[in-house]
Amino acid sequence: MTSFGDLLGPPPTLLTGDDDAESDLLNGADPAAVAAEHPSASIAWAYLAEAALTGAEDDVSRQAAAYAYARTGYHRGLDQLRRHGWKGFGPVPWSHEQNQGFLRCVGALARAAQLIGEEDEYLRCLDLLNDSDPRAIAELGLD
């Protein structure tokens, strides 16, 4: 685990994001259409996952959809992190807005995993969020 602010640890990874996808979403575009047009944009998958989680407590179809959307955004985010030099550990600051799509997907994956009873995945997601930025768990309402 890398402590935030550890001068001997790796530098924070700052994603560049997808300006077109982010703009479309901020302007009210359908997240499914944005994800289809910009499939590498974790932020679009985060919107889809979070929407599917709304009212999913007693709806297994919504739980499965949320899990799938979140897992897709999580993996697309891992691809981006690696392209930006991330080696599987180190800070991914919540304060850098372009990192939030990935971090929101990890948070949604945690929630969906917990709903379907996948406790190990839930705990792995919390660990990843804490390792990325301890502030992310609180920002995502997972504390």
Protein backbone atom coordinates (compact mmCIF):
# COMPACT_ATOMS: atom_id res chain seq x y z
CA MET A 1 0.00 0.00 0.00
CA THR A 2 1.28 3.46 -0.85
CA SER A 3 0.59 6.24 1.62
CA PHE A 4 -0.74 9.44 0.20
CA GLY A 5 2.03 12.01 0.31
CA ASP A 6 4.76 9.34 0.58
CA LEU A 7 7.74 10.95 -1.12
CA LEU A 8 9.32 7.53 -1.74
CA GLY A 9 6.19 6.11 -3.36
CA PRO A 10 5.08 6.52 -6.96
CA PRO A 11 3.75 9.90 -8.04
CA PRO A 12 -0.02 10.32 -8.31
CA THR A 13 -1.56 9.11 -11.56
CA LEU A 14 -3.60 11.80 -13.27
CA LEU A 15 -5.86 10.63 -16.09
CA THR A 16 -6.60 12.86 -19.05
CA GLY A 17 -10.25 11.86 -19.23
CA ASP A 18 -12.46 12.08 -22.30
CA ASP A 19 -13.52 15.67 -22.86
CA ASP A 20 -16.19 14.81 -25.45
CA ALA A 21 -17.85 12.16 -23.26
CA GLU A 22 -17.69 14.38 -20.19
CA SER A 23 -19.17 17.32 -22.10
CA ASP A 24 -21.97 15.17 -23.53
CA LEU A 25 -22.88 13.87 -20.07
CA LEU A 26 -22.81 17.33 -18.51
CA ASN A 27 -25.12 18.51 -21.29
CA GLY A 28 -27.68 15.80 -20.47
CA ALA A 29 -26.89 13.22 -23.14
CA ASP A 30 -28.11 9.68 -22.54
CA PRO A 31 -25.29 7.85 -20.70
CA ALA A 32 -25.93 4.67 -22.73
CA ALA A 33 -25.42 6.62 -25.97
CA VAL A 34 -22.27 8.22 -24.55
CA ALA A 35 -20.90 4.83 -23.46
CA ALA A 36 -21.63 3.41 -26.92
CA GLU A 37 -19.91 6.35 -28.63
CA HIS A 38 -17.03 6.57 -26.12
CA PRO A 39 -16.63 3.04 -24.70
CA SER A 40 -13.27 3.82 -23.10
CA ALA A 41 -14.76 6.66 -21.01
CA SER A 42 -15.15 5.29 -17.47
CA ILE A 43 -17.31 8.26 -16.56
CA ALA A 44 -20.10 7.09 -18.90
CA TRP A 45 -20.04 3.62 -17.33
CA ALA A 46 -20.12 5.23 -13.88
CA TYR A 47 -23.30 7.13 -14.80
CA LEU A 48 -24.89 3.88 -16.02
CA ALA A 49 -23.82 1.87 -12.98
CA GLU A 50 -24.97 4.50 -10.50
CA ALA A 51 -28.35 4.80 -12.25
CA ALA A 52 -28.80 1.02 -12.20
CA LEU A 53 -28.01 0.97 -8.47
CA THR A 54 -30.91 3.34 -7.80
CA GLY A 55 -33.68 1.12 -6.50
CA ALA A 56 -31.61 -2.05 -6.94
CA GLU A 57 -31.93 -3.32 -3.36
CA ASP A 58 -34.74 -5.73 -4.31
CA ASP A 59 -34.18 -5.96 -8.06
CA VAL A 60 -31.70 -8.59 -9.19
CA SER A 61 -31.80 -7.36 -12.80
CA ARG A 62 -30.71 -3.87 -11.74
CA GLN A 63 -28.03 -5.38 -9.49
CA ALA A 64 -26.62 -7.41 -12.39
CA ALA A 65 -26.75 -4.42 -14.73
CA ALA A 66 -25.01 -2.19 -12.19
CA TYR A 67 -22.32 -4.81 -11.64
CA ALA A 68 -21.73 -5.19 -15.39
CA TYR A 69 -21.62 -1.44 -16.06
CA ALA A 70 -19.31 -0.82 -13.10
CA ARG A 71 -16.99 -3.69 -14.02
CA THR A 72 -16.75 -2.41 -17.61
CA GLY A 73 -15.89 1.11 -16.45
CA TYR A 74 -13.44 -0.26 -13.91
CA HIS A 75 -11.56 -2.26 -16.56
CA ARG A 76 -11.57 0.63 -19.04
CA GLY A 77 -10.18 2.81 -16.24
CA LEU A 78 -7.44 0.27 -15.47
CA ASP A 79 -6.45 0.40 -19.13
CA GLN A 80 -6.18 4.19 -18.95
CA LEU A 81 -4.26 4.11 -15.67
CA ARG A 82 -1.72 1.71 -17.13
CA ARG A 83 -1.30 3.91 -20.20
CA HIS A 84 -0.58 6.78 -17.80
CA GLY A 85 2.19 4.85 -16.04
CA TRP A 86 0.29 3.30 -13.12
CA LYS A 87 1.89 0.01 -12.07
CA GLY A 88 -1.06 -1.43 -10.13
CA PHE A 89 -0.52 0.66 -7.02
CA GLY A 90 -0.04 4.23 -5.99
CA PRO A 91 -2.19 7.31 -5.63
CA VAL A 92 -5.08 8.05 -7.96
CA PRO A 93 -6.34 11.30 -6.41
CA TRP A 94 -10.07 11.95 -6.16
CA SER A 95 -9.33 15.67 -6.39
CA HIS A 96 -8.25 15.25 -10.03
CA GLU A 97 -11.63 15.35 -11.75
CA GLN A 98 -10.62 13.11 -14.66
CA ASN A 99 -9.84 10.30 -12.15
CA GLN A 100 -13.37 10.37 -10.80
CA GLY A 101 -14.92 8.24 -13.55
CA PHE A 102 -12.64 5.34 -12.66
CA LEU A 103 -13.06 5.86 -8.92
CA ARG A 104 -16.84 6.14 -9.24
CA CYS A 105 -16.86 2.84 -11.15
CA VAL A 106 -14.88 1.18 -8.36
CA GLY A 107 -17.37 2.56 -5.84
CA ALA A 108 -20.35 1.36 -7.88
CA LEU A 109 -18.71 -2.05 -8.28
CA ALA A 110 -18.31 -2.21 -4.49
CA ARG A 111 -22.00 -1.45 -3.98
CA ALA A 112 -23.15 -3.91 -6.64
CA ALA A 113 -20.85 -6.64 -5.32
CA GLN A 114 -22.23 -6.15 -1.84
CA LEU A 115 -25.82 -6.36 -3.14
CA ILE A 116 -25.18 -9.70 -4.85
CA GLY A 117 -23.32 -11.07 -1.85
CA GLU A 118 -19.83 -10.96 -3.31
CA GLU A 119 -18.17 -9.81 -0.09
CA ASP A 120 -14.58 -10.49 -1.23
CA GLU A 121 -15.04 -8.23 -4.27
CA TYR A 122 -16.67 -5.58 -2.11
CA LEU A 123 -13.65 -5.58 0.23
CA ARG A 124 -11.18 -5.55 -2.70
CA CYS A 125 -12.92 -2.49 -4.10
CA LEU A 126 -12.76 -0.71 -0.75
CA ASP A 127 -9.05 -1.55 -0.50
CA LEU A 128 -8.43 -0.22 -4.02
CA LEU A 129 -10.27 3.00 -3.24
CA ASN A 130 -8.37 3.44 0.01
CA ASP A 131 -5.05 2.75 -1.72
CA SER A 132 -5.95 5.15 -4.55
CA ASP A 133 -7.08 7.98 -2.29
CA PRO A 134 -8.36 7.50 1.27
CA ARG A 135 -10.75 10.43 0.64
CA ALA A 136 -12.53 8.56 -2.19
CA ILE A 137 -14.47 6.22 0.13
CA ALA A 138 -16.07 9.16 1.93
CA GLU A 139 -16.67 11.07 -1.33
CA LEU A 140 -18.52 8.04 -2.67
CA GLY A 141 -20.56 7.57 0.52
CA LEU A 142 -19.06 4.18 1.28
CA ASP A 143 -17.81 4.98 4.77
